Amino acid sequence: MPLIFRNIVTKAFDTDPTGVNVFYQKTEQLKAYDIYERYELLQRQVYTHLVHDMYASVRKEMSQLITSFMPKGKLVLELGCGIGHELYEISKAYPFEYYLGIDSSMRFLKSAQKFFVDGEKVTFELGRYGLDAQSFQFSGNSSLNFCLADAEDLPLTNDSADLLMHYFLFDRVSNPELLIREIRRVLRPGGVCICATPFNFSSLDNRNLYGDPQKLKGLFRQFDMLPISPEIVIPVEEALDIAGNKIVWNTHLFAFRKDV
């Protein structure tokens, strides 16, 4: 892990043989109940996301926001980074020094490390799902680092990130207030958070409390995070198979700045 991360982390960590930095150990029981640790499900999801570049339209809008509000900085933090594709694309486009992706799925993070740090060629054989074999390879980027950690209890010091982003995370955490509290804590004064969410809450209580744009903006304001752009709504298509079946997520994109 680069020296900058050693200076800002607040918890002990191990480094997995693959290179992923591990801030907590998932028990076998947690792995068994976590759908994001199921190998074949994730292989299929990674395949369809990469083939169809699911977040391309959101990435375009997010990139415009980054250019408008803060084109430079030292540290970009992505929460719920999955396989790291979005962080990788941002790393190619902007002159930040370091990029840190955090997720709770070790399988996702190992894929991220292979794809985007090591530049390893990965081939998917998913004939049982009616999908053609497909190989992917990206140029490795040593400025990317991937960590197993909890987005609601980040292992980072206060005021350590310049830009924080997350896709499809706000509606998937157990406590959105804890998430936003942590976002504010780790952002430097004036730092920017950009989030994309379809408000697809699995918890009815959270849906009632936070399930629309005005409630989300109000929650960020409670933590002195001020909106700095108009809300953008983007239809995101998630392909399910080669037959053309898909899900359309009405995705809301927001940008907030930490009040100084």
C-alpha atoms as a PDB file:
ATOM      1  CA  MET A   1       0.000   0.000   0.000  1.00  0.00           C
ATOM      2  CA  PRO A   2       1.389   3.456  -0.895  1.00  0.00           C
ATOM      3  CA  LEU A   3       2.726   5.669   1.865  1.00  0.00           C
ATOM      4  CA  ILE A   4      -0.201   8.098   1.518  1.00  0.00           C
ATOM      5  CA  PHE A   5      -2.612   5.336   2.546  1.00  0.00           C
ATOM      6  CA  ARG A   6      -0.421   4.211   5.417  1.00  0.00           C
ATOM      7  CA  ASN A   7      -0.656   7.760   6.739  1.00  0.00           C
ATOM      8  CA  ILE A   8      -4.444   7.971   6.561  1.00  0.00           C
ATOM      9  CA  VAL A   9      -5.686   4.535   7.597  1.00  0.00           C
ATOM     10  CA  THR A  10      -6.901   4.188  11.184  1.00  0.00           C
ATOM     11  CA  LYS A  11      -7.152   0.400  11.469  1.00  0.00           C
ATOM     12  CA  ALA A  12      -4.737  -2.476  11.149  1.00  0.00           C
ATOM     13  CA  PHE A  13      -4.977  -4.356   7.870  1.00  0.00           C
ATOM     14  CA  ASP A  14      -3.601  -7.415   6.131  1.00  0.00           C
ATOM     15  CA  THR A  15      -2.797  -7.759   2.462  1.00  0.00           C
ATOM     16  CA  ASP A  16      -4.295 -10.737   0.680  1.00  0.00           C
ATOM     17  CA  PRO A  17      -1.915 -12.670  -1.637  1.00  0.00           C
ATOM     18  CA  THR A  18      -3.802 -11.149  -4.572  1.00  0.00           C
ATOM     19  CA  GLY A  19      -2.931  -7.630  -3.359  1.00  0.00           C
ATOM     20  CA  VAL A  20      -6.283  -6.636  -1.848  1.00  0.00           C
ATOM     21  CA  ASN A  21      -5.955  -4.834   1.495  1.00  0.00           C
ATOM     22  CA  VAL A  22      -8.187  -6.446   4.124  1.00  0.00           C
ATOM     23  CA  PHE A  23      -9.497  -4.375   7.048  1.00  0.00           C
ATOM     24  CA  TYR A  24     -11.750  -7.057   8.510  1.00  0.00           C
ATOM     25  CA  GLN A  25     -12.121 -10.798   8.150  1.00  0.00           C
ATOM     26  CA  LYS A  26     -15.419 -12.097   6.806  1.00  0.00           C
ATOM     27  CA  THR A  27     -16.572 -15.202   8.599  1.00  0.00           C
ATOM     28  CA  GLU A  28     -17.627 -18.255   6.622  1.00  0.00           C
ATOM     29  CA  GLN A  29     -21.197 -17.579   7.712  1.00  0.00           C
ATOM     30  CA  LEU A  30     -21.064 -14.026   6.330  1.00  0.00           C
ATOM     31  CA  LYS A  31     -19.644 -15.306   3.069  1.00  0.00           C
ATOM     32  CA  ALA A  32     -22.385 -17.937   2.813  1.00  0.00           C
ATOM     33  CA  TYR A  33     -25.171 -15.350   3.193  1.00  0.00           C
ATOM     34  CA  ASP A  34     -23.572 -12.637   1.036  1.00  0.00           C
ATOM     35  CA  ILE A  35     -24.800 -12.893  -2.561  1.00  0.00           C
ATOM     36  CA  TYR A  36     -21.784 -10.842  -3.644  1.00  0.00           C
ATOM     37  CA  GLU A  37     -19.491 -13.689  -2.625  1.00  0.00           C
ATOM     38  CA  ARG A  38     -21.198 -16.248  -4.887  1.00  0.00           C
ATOM     39  CA  TYR A  39     -18.765 -17.071  -7.650  1.00  0.00           C
ATOM     40  CA  GLU A  40     -21.003 -17.896 -10.602  1.00  0.00           C
ATOM     41  CA  LEU A  41     -23.488 -15.115  -9.900  1.00  0.00           C
ATOM     42  CA  LEU A  42     -20.671 -12.583  -9.823  1.00  0.00           C
ATOM     43  CA  GLN A  43     -18.998 -13.978 -12.921  1.00  0.00           C
ATOM     44  CA  ARG A  44     -22.246 -13.519 -14.817  1.00  0.00           C
ATOM     45  CA  GLN A  45     -22.772 -10.023 -13.428  1.00  0.00           C
ATOM     46  CA  VAL A  46     -19.226  -8.922 -14.195  1.00  0.00           C
ATOM     47  CA  TYR A  47     -19.516 -10.339 -17.713  1.00  0.00           C
ATOM     48  CA  THR A  48     -22.750  -8.504 -18.544  1.00  0.00           C
ATOM     49  CA  HIS A  49     -21.563  -5.236 -16.972  1.00  0.00           C
ATOM     50  CA  LEU A  50     -18.324  -5.213 -18.952  1.00  0.00           C
ATOM     51  CA  VAL A  51     -19.802  -6.359 -22.269  1.00  0.00           C
ATOM     52  CA  HIS A  52     -22.532  -3.707 -22.142  1.00  0.00           C
ATOM     53  CA  ASP A  53     -20.576  -1.112 -20.107  1.00  0.00           C
ATOM     54  CA  MET A  54     -23.615  -0.643 -17.891  1.00  0.00           C
ATOM     55  CA  TYR A  55     -22.583   2.621 -16.230  1.00  0.00           C
ATOM     56  CA  ALA A  56     -21.261   4.409 -19.324  1.00  0.00           C
ATOM     57  CA  SER A  57     -24.051   7.018 -19.380  1.00  0.00           C
ATOM     58  CA  VAL A  58     -23.670   7.731 -15.653  1.00  0.00           C
ATOM     59  CA  ARG A  59     -19.881   7.907 -16.001  1.00  0.00           C
ATOM     60  CA  LYS A  60     -20.211  10.533 -18.730  1.00  0.00           C
ATOM     61  CA  GLU A  61     -22.344  12.788 -16.520  1.00  0.00           C
ATOM     62  CA  MET A  62     -20.166  12.128 -13.484  1.00  0.00           C
ATOM     63  CA  SER A  63     -17.048  13.053 -15.440  1.00  0.00           C
ATOM     64  CA  GLN A  64     -18.603  16.353 -16.439  1.00  0.00           C
ATOM     65  CA  LEU A  65     -19.349  17.089 -12.786  1.00  0.00           C
ATOM     66  CA  ILE A  66     -15.790  16.263 -11.749  1.00  0.00           C
ATOM     67  CA  THR A  67     -14.425  18.545 -14.467  1.00  0.00           C
ATOM     68  CA  SER A  68     -16.766  21.350 -13.376  1.00  0.00           C
ATOM     69  CA  PHE A  69     -16.071  21.237  -9.662  1.00  0.00           C
ATOM     70  CA  MET A  70     -12.632  19.780  -8.951  1.00  0.00           C
ATOM     71  CA  PRO A  71     -10.424  18.576 -11.782  1.00  0.00           C
ATOM     72  CA  LYS A  72      -7.388  18.084  -9.525  1.00  0.00           C
ATOM     73  CA  GLY A  73      -6.625  16.512  -6.162  1.00  0.00           C
ATOM     74  CA  LYS A  74      -4.671  13.763  -4.422  1.00  0.00           C
ATOM     75  CA  LEU A  75      -7.099  11.064  -3.375  1.00  0.00           C
ATOM     76  CA  VAL A  76     -10.233   9.671  -5.026  1.00  0.00           C
ATOM     77  CA  LEU A  77     -12.282   7.279  -2.908  1.00  0.00           C
ATOM     78  CA  GLU A  78     -14.996   5.030  -4.353  1.00  0.00           C
ATOM     79  CA  LEU A  79     -17.335   3.243  -1.972  1.00  0.00           C
ATOM     80  CA  GLY A  80     -18.965   0.040  -3.162  1.00  0.00           C
ATOM     81  CA  CYS A  81     -16.465  -0.094  -6.015  1.00  0.00           C
ATOM     82  CA  GLY A  82     -17.401  -3.633  -7.131  1.00  0.00           C
ATOM     83  CA  ILE A  83     -14.889  -4.812  -9.727  1.00  0.00           C
ATOM     84  CA  GLY A  84     -13.337  -1.331  -9.924  1.00  0.00           C
ATOM     85  CA  HIS A  85     -14.237  -0.453 -13.507  1.00  0.00           C
ATOM     86  CA  GLU A  86     -15.553   3.023 -12.726  1.00  0.00           C
ATOM     87  CA  LEU A  87     -12.556   3.906 -10.568  1.00  0.00           C
ATOM     88  CA  TYR A  88     -10.268   2.682 -13.339  1.00  0.00           C
ATOM     89  CA  GLU A  89     -11.991   4.845 -15.956  1.00  0.00           C
ATOM     90  CA  ILE A  90     -11.777   7.907 -13.700  1.00  0.00           C
ATOM     91  CA  SER A  91      -8.077   7.200 -13.107  1.00  0.00           C
ATOM     92  CA  LYS A  92      -7.458   7.415 -16.859  1.00  0.00           C
ATOM     93  CA  ALA A  93      -9.239  10.736 -17.207  1.00  0.00           C
ATOM     94  CA  TYR A  94      -8.097  12.861 -14.250  1.00  0.00           C
ATOM     95  CA  PRO A  95      -4.766  13.805 -12.652  1.00  0.00           C
ATOM     96  CA  PHE A  96      -5.381  12.575  -9.108  1.00  0.00           C
ATOM     97  CA  GLU A  97      -2.423  10.850  -7.466  1.00  0.00           C
ATOM     98  CA  TYR A  98      -4.168   7.929  -5.792  1.00  0.00           C
ATOM     99  CA  TYR A  99      -7.389   5.988  -6.234  1.00  0.00           C
ATOM    100  CA  LEU A 100      -8.844   3.864  -3.454  1.00  0.00           C
ATOM    101  CA  GLY A 101     -11.746   1.464  -4.012  1.00  0.00           C
ATOM    102  CA  ILE A 102     -13.604  -0.001  -1.039  1.00  0.00           C
ATOM    103  CA  ASP A 103     -16.096  -2.850  -1.159  1.00  0.00           C
ATOM    104  CA  SER A 104     -17.491  -5.567   1.110  1.00  0.00           C
ATOM    105  CA  SER A 105     -17.117  -8.370  -1.456  1.00  0.00           C
ATOM    106  CA  MET A 106     -13.741 -10.077  -1.543  1.00  0.00           C
ATOM    107  CA  ARG A 107     -14.624 -11.743  -4.833  1.00  0.00           C
ATOM    108  CA  PHE A 108     -15.346  -8.391  -6.464  1.00  0.00           C
ATOM    109  CA  LEU A 109     -12.107  -6.930  -5.116  1.00  0.00           C
ATOM    110  CA  LYS A 110      -9.971  -9.833  -6.300  1.00  0.00           C
ATOM    111  CA  SER A 111     -11.440  -9.312  -9.775  1.00  0.00           C
ATOM    112  CA  ALA A 112     -10.671  -5.586  -9.534  1.00  0.00           C
ATOM    113  CA  GLN A 113      -7.075  -6.317  -8.589  1.00  0.00           C
ATOM    114  CA  LYS A 114      -6.625  -8.743 -11.495  1.00  0.00           C
ATOM    115  CA  PHE A 115      -8.232  -6.490 -14.084  1.00  0.00           C
ATOM    116  CA  PHE A 116      -7.103  -3.016 -13.225  1.00  0.00           C
ATOM    117  CA  VAL A 117      -3.943  -3.234 -11.130  1.00  0.00           C
ATOM    118  CA  ASP A 118      -2.271  -6.364 -12.522  1.00  0.00           C
ATOM    119  CA  GLY A 119      -3.610  -5.994 -16.065  1.00  0.00           C
ATOM    120  CA  GLU A 120      -4.339  -9.713 -16.191  1.00  0.00           C
ATOM    121  CA  LYS A 121      -6.367 -11.220 -19.025  1.00  0.00           C
ATOM    122  CA  VAL A 122      -9.548 -12.841 -17.714  1.00  0.00           C
ATOM    123  CA  THR A 123     -11.782 -15.180 -19.721  1.00  0.00           C
ATOM    124  CA  PHE A 124     -15.385 -15.942 -18.831  1.00  0.00           C
ATOM    125  CA  GLU A 125     -16.908 -19.298 -19.816  1.00  0.00           C
ATOM    126  CA  LEU A 126     -20.630 -18.932 -19.126  1.00  0.00           C
ATOM    127  CA  GLY A 127     -22.228 -21.224 -21.675  1.00  0.00           C
ATOM    128  CA  ARG A 128     -24.623 -22.574 -19.063  1.00  0.00           C
ATOM    129  CA  TYR A 129     -26.221 -19.109 -19.003  1.00  0.00           C
ATOM    130  CA  GLY A 130     -26.418 -18.925 -22.786  1.00  0.00           C
ATOM    131  CA  LEU A 131     -23.551 -16.433 -22.911  1.00  0.00           C
ATOM    132  CA  ASP A 132     -20.660 -16.551 -25.367  1.00  0.00           C
ATOM    133  CA  ALA A 133     -17.115 -16.932 -24.029  1.00  0.00           C
ATOM    134  CA  GLN A 134     -15.500 -13.523 -23.650  1.00  0.00           C
ATOM    135  CA  SER A 135     -12.050 -12.310 -22.603  1.00  0.00           C
ATOM    136  CA  PHE A 136     -11.202  -8.935 -21.088  1.00  0.00           C
ATOM    137  CA  GLN A 137      -7.876  -7.249 -20.484  1.00  0.00           C
ATOM    138  CA  PHE A 138      -7.054  -3.725 -19.316  1.00  0.00           C
ATOM    139  CA  SER A 139      -3.786  -1.857 -18.833  1.00  0.00           C
ATOM    140  CA  GLY A 140      -2.667  -2.221 -15.218  1.00  0.00           C
ATOM    141  CA  ASN A 141      -2.587   0.925 -13.084  1.00  0.00           C
ATOM    142  CA  SER A 142      -0.439   0.911  -9.942  1.00  0.00           C
ATOM    143  CA  SER A 143      -2.136   4.056  -8.583  1.00  0.00           C
ATOM    144  CA  LEU A 144      -5.269   1.981  -7.892  1.00  0.00           C
ATOM    145  CA  ASN A 145      -5.701   0.265  -4.535  1.00  0.00           C
ATOM    146  CA  PHE A 146      -8.581  -1.971  -3.477  1.00  0.00           C
ATOM    147  CA  CYS A 147      -9.669  -2.641   0.111  1.00  0.00           C
ATOM    148  CA  LEU A 148     -12.137  -4.885   1.896  1.00  0.00           C
ATOM    149  CA  ALA A 149     -13.802  -2.511   4.366  1.00  0.00           C
ATOM    150  CA  ASP A 150     -17.166  -1.303   5.655  1.00  0.00           C
ATOM    151  CA  ALA A 151     -18.559   1.855   4.015  1.00  0.00           C
ATOM    152  CA  GLU A 152     -20.416   2.679   7.245  1.00  0.00           C
ATOM    153  CA  ASP A 153     -17.216   2.449   9.313  1.00  0.00           C
ATOM    154  CA  LEU A 154     -14.406   3.619   7.048  1.00  0.00           C
ATOM    155  CA  PRO A 155     -10.821   2.895   8.166  1.00  0.00           C
ATOM    156  CA  LEU A 156      -9.654   6.382   7.147  1.00  0.00           C
ATOM    157  CA  THR A 157      -8.704   9.532   8.998  1.00  0.00           C
ATOM    158  CA  ASN A 158     -10.796  12.695   8.943  1.00  0.00           C
ATOM    159  CA  ASP A 159     -10.422  15.039   5.954  1.00  0.00           C
ATOM    160  CA  SER A 160      -8.451  12.528   3.887  1.00  0.00           C
ATOM    161  CA  ALA A 161     -10.283  12.333   0.523  1.00  0.00           C
ATOM    162  CA  ASP A 162     -10.650  15.009  -2.148  1.00  0.00           C
ATOM    163  CA  LEU A 163     -13.334  13.293  -4.203  1.00  0.00           C
ATOM    164  CA  LEU A 164     -15.689  10.530  -3.096  1.00  0.00           C
ATOM    165  CA  MET A 165     -18.057   8.695  -5.414  1.00  0.00           C
ATOM    166  CA  HIS A 166     -20.429   5.780  -5.234  1.00  0.00           C
ATOM    167  CA  TYR A 167     -22.769   4.001  -7.626  1.00  0.00           C
ATOM    168  CA  PHE A 168     -25.854   2.094  -6.430  1.00  0.00           C
ATOM    169  CA  LEU A 169     -24.737   2.078  -2.788  1.00  0.00           C
ATOM    170  CA  PHE A 170     -26.945   4.539  -0.894  1.00  0.00           C
ATOM    171  CA  ASP A 171     -29.999   2.281  -1.142  1.00  0.00           C
ATOM    172  CA  ARG A 172     -28.076  -0.895  -0.259  1.00  0.00           C
ATOM    173  CA  VAL A 173     -26.459  -0.049   3.060  1.00  0.00           C
ATOM    174  CA  SER A 174     -28.252  -0.836   6.303  1.00  0.00           C
ATOM    175  CA  ASN A 175     -27.997   2.719   7.649  1.00  0.00           C
ATOM    176  CA  PRO A 176     -27.802   5.565   5.093  1.00  0.00           C
ATOM    177  CA  GLU A 177     -27.260   8.113   7.885  1.00  0.00           C
ATOM    178  CA  LEU A 178     -24.103   6.329   9.018  1.00  0.00           C
ATOM    179  CA  LEU A 179     -22.921   6.245   5.417  1.00  0.00           C
ATOM    180  CA  ILE A 180     -23.349   9.987   4.941  1.00  0.00           C
ATOM    181  CA  ARG A 181     -21.800  10.705   8.344  1.00  0.00           C
ATOM    182  CA  GLU A 182     -18.726   8.741   7.248  1.00  0.00           C
ATOM    183  CA  ILE A 183     -18.659  10.442   3.848  1.00  0.00           C
ATOM    184  CA  ARG A 184     -18.593  13.837   5.507  1.00  0.00           C
ATOM    185  CA  ARG A 185     -15.960  12.760   8.020  1.00  0.00           C
ATOM    186  CA  VAL A 186     -13.428  11.494   5.483  1.00  0.00           C
ATOM    187  CA  LEU A 187     -13.907  14.281   2.912  1.00  0.00           C
ATOM    188  CA  ARG A 188     -11.598  17.246   3.233  1.00  0.00           C
ATOM    189  CA  PRO A 189     -13.285  20.661   3.684  1.00  0.00           C
ATOM    190  CA  GLY A 190     -14.552  21.615   0.256  1.00  0.00           C
ATOM    191  CA  GLY A 191     -14.305  18.012  -0.951  1.00  0.00           C
ATOM    192  CA  VAL A 192     -16.965  16.687  -3.302  1.00  0.00           C
ATOM    193  CA  CYS A 193     -19.208  13.614  -3.089  1.00  0.00           C
ATOM    194  CA  ILE A 194     -20.936  12.399  -6.244  1.00  0.00           C
ATOM    195  CA  CYS A 195     -23.487   9.623  -5.866  1.00  0.00           C
ATOM    196  CA  ALA A 196     -25.724   7.707  -8.250  1.00  0.00           C
ATOM    197  CA  THR A 197     -28.733   5.836  -6.896  1.00  0.00           C
ATOM    198  CA  PRO A 198     -31.948   4.310  -8.288  1.00  0.00           C
ATOM    199  CA  PHE A 199     -33.569   4.460  -4.794  1.00  0.00           C
ATOM    200  CA  ASN A 200     -34.014   0.690  -4.937  1.00  0.00           C
ATOM    201  CA  PHE A 201     -34.202   0.121  -1.178  1.00  0.00           C
ATOM    202  CA  SER A 202     -34.612  -3.426   0.106  1.00  0.00           C
ATOM    203  CA  SER A 203     -35.723  -2.075   3.488  1.00  0.00           C
ATOM    204  CA  LEU A 204     -39.218  -0.578   3.619  1.00  0.00           C
ATOM    205  CA  ASP A 205     -38.225   1.589   6.593  1.00  0.00           C
ATOM    206  CA  ASN A 206     -35.295   3.063   4.666  1.00  0.00           C
ATOM    207  CA  ARG A 207     -37.471   3.551   1.605  1.00  0.00           C
ATOM    208  CA  ASN A 208     -39.973   5.566   3.665  1.00  0.00           C
ATOM    209  CA  LEU A 209     -37.234   7.623   5.324  1.00  0.00           C
ATOM    210  CA  TYR A 210     -34.922   8.298   2.381  1.00  0.00           C
ATOM    211  CA  GLY A 211     -36.642   7.072  -0.780  1.00  0.00           C
ATOM    212  CA  ASP A 212     -36.857  10.211  -2.886  1.00  0.00           C
ATOM    213  CA  PRO A 213     -34.508  12.991  -4.038  1.00  0.00           C
ATOM    214  CA  GLN A 214     -35.732  15.641  -1.586  1.00  0.00           C
ATOM    215  CA  LYS A 215     -35.274  13.316   1.396  1.00  0.00           C
ATOM    216  CA  LEU A 216     -31.776  12.430   0.193  1.00  0.00           C
ATOM    217  CA  LYS A 217     -30.814  16.086  -0.193  1.00  0.00           C
ATOM    218  CA  GLY A 218     -32.240  16.840   3.246  1.00  0.00           C
ATOM    219  CA  LEU A 219     -30.172  14.069   4.795  1.00  0.00           C
ATOM    220  CA  PHE A 220     -26.974  15.367   3.216  1.00  0.00           C
ATOM    221  CA  ARG A 221     -27.808  18.904   4.428  1.00  0.00           C
ATOM    222  CA  GLN A 222     -28.112  17.580   7.989  1.00  0.00           C
ATOM    223  CA  PHE A 223     -24.425  16.738   7.755  1.00  0.00           C
ATOM    224  CA  ASP A 224     -23.400  20.060   6.185  1.00  0.00           C
ATOM    225  CA  MET A 225     -23.125  18.580   2.699  1.00  0.00           C
ATOM    226  CA  LEU A 226     -24.533  21.092   0.242  1.00  0.00           C
ATOM    227  CA  PRO A 227     -25.889  20.264  -3.236  1.00  0.00           C
ATOM    228  CA  ILE A 228     -23.775  21.867  -5.954  1.00  0.00           C
ATOM    229  CA  SER A 229     -25.518  20.714  -9.125  1.00  0.00           C
ATOM    230  CA  PRO A 230     -29.029  20.104 -10.418  1.00  0.00           C
ATOM    231  CA  GLU A 231     -30.278  16.558 -10.001  1.00  0.00           C
ATOM    232  CA  ILE A 232     -29.747  14.449 -13.121  1.00  0.00           C
ATOM    233  CA  VAL A 233     -31.906  11.395 -13.917  1.00  0.00           C
ATOM    234  CA  ILE A 234     -30.380   8.782 -16.213  1.00  0.00           C
ATOM    235  CA  PRO A 235     -31.933   5.479 -17.346  1.00  0.00           C
ATOM    236  CA  VAL A 236     -29.352   2.748 -16.776  1.00  0.00           C
ATOM    237  CA  GLU A 237     -29.911  -0.518 -18.600  1.00  0.00           C
ATOM    238  CA  GLU A 238     -28.674  -3.708 -16.971  1.00  0.00           C
ATOM    239  CA  ALA A 239     -28.529  -6.473 -19.571  1.00  0.00           C
ATOM    240  CA  LEU A 240     -29.521  -9.894 -18.266  1.00  0.00           C
ATOM    241  CA  ASP A 241     -28.723 -12.116 -21.238  1.00  0.00           C
ATOM    242  CA  ILE A 242     -28.039 -12.210 -24.971  1.00  0.00           C
ATOM    243  CA  ALA A 243     -31.780 -12.477 -25.671  1.00  0.00           C
ATOM    244  CA  GLY A 244     -32.159  -8.784 -24.879  1.00  0.00           C
ATOM    245  CA  ASN A 245     -33.821  -9.106 -21.479  1.00  0.00           C
ATOM    246  CA  LYS A 246     -32.890  -6.227 -19.239  1.00  0.00           C
ATOM    247  CA  ILE A 247     -33.702  -4.127 -16.199  1.00  0.00           C
ATOM    248  CA  VAL A 248     -33.923  -0.333 -16.501  1.00  0.00           C
ATOM    249  CA  TRP A 249     -32.842   1.595 -13.411  1.00  0.00           C
ATOM    250  CA  ASN A 250     -34.006   5.229 -13.213  1.00  0.00           C
ATOM    251  CA  THR A 251     -30.793   6.480 -11.709  1.00  0.00           C
ATOM    252  CA  HIS A 252     -30.494   9.833  -9.931  1.00  0.00           C
ATOM    253  CA  LEU A 253     -27.103  11.547  -9.936  1.00  0.00           C
ATOM    254  CA  PHE A 254     -26.260  14.104  -7.219  1.00  0.00           C
ATOM    255  CA  ALA A 255     -23.188  16.143  -6.314  1.00  0.00           C
ATOM    256  CA  PHE A 256     -22.553  17.579  -2.832  1.00  0.00           C
ATOM    257  CA  ARG A 257     -19.721  19.600  -1.358  1.00  0.00           C
ATOM    258  CA  LYS A 258     -18.582  19.404   2.243  1.00  0.00           C
ATOM    259  CA  ASP A 259     -19.195  22.800   3.817  1.00  0.00           C
ATOM    260  CA  VAL A 260     -16.004  24.442   5.022  1.00  0.00           C
END
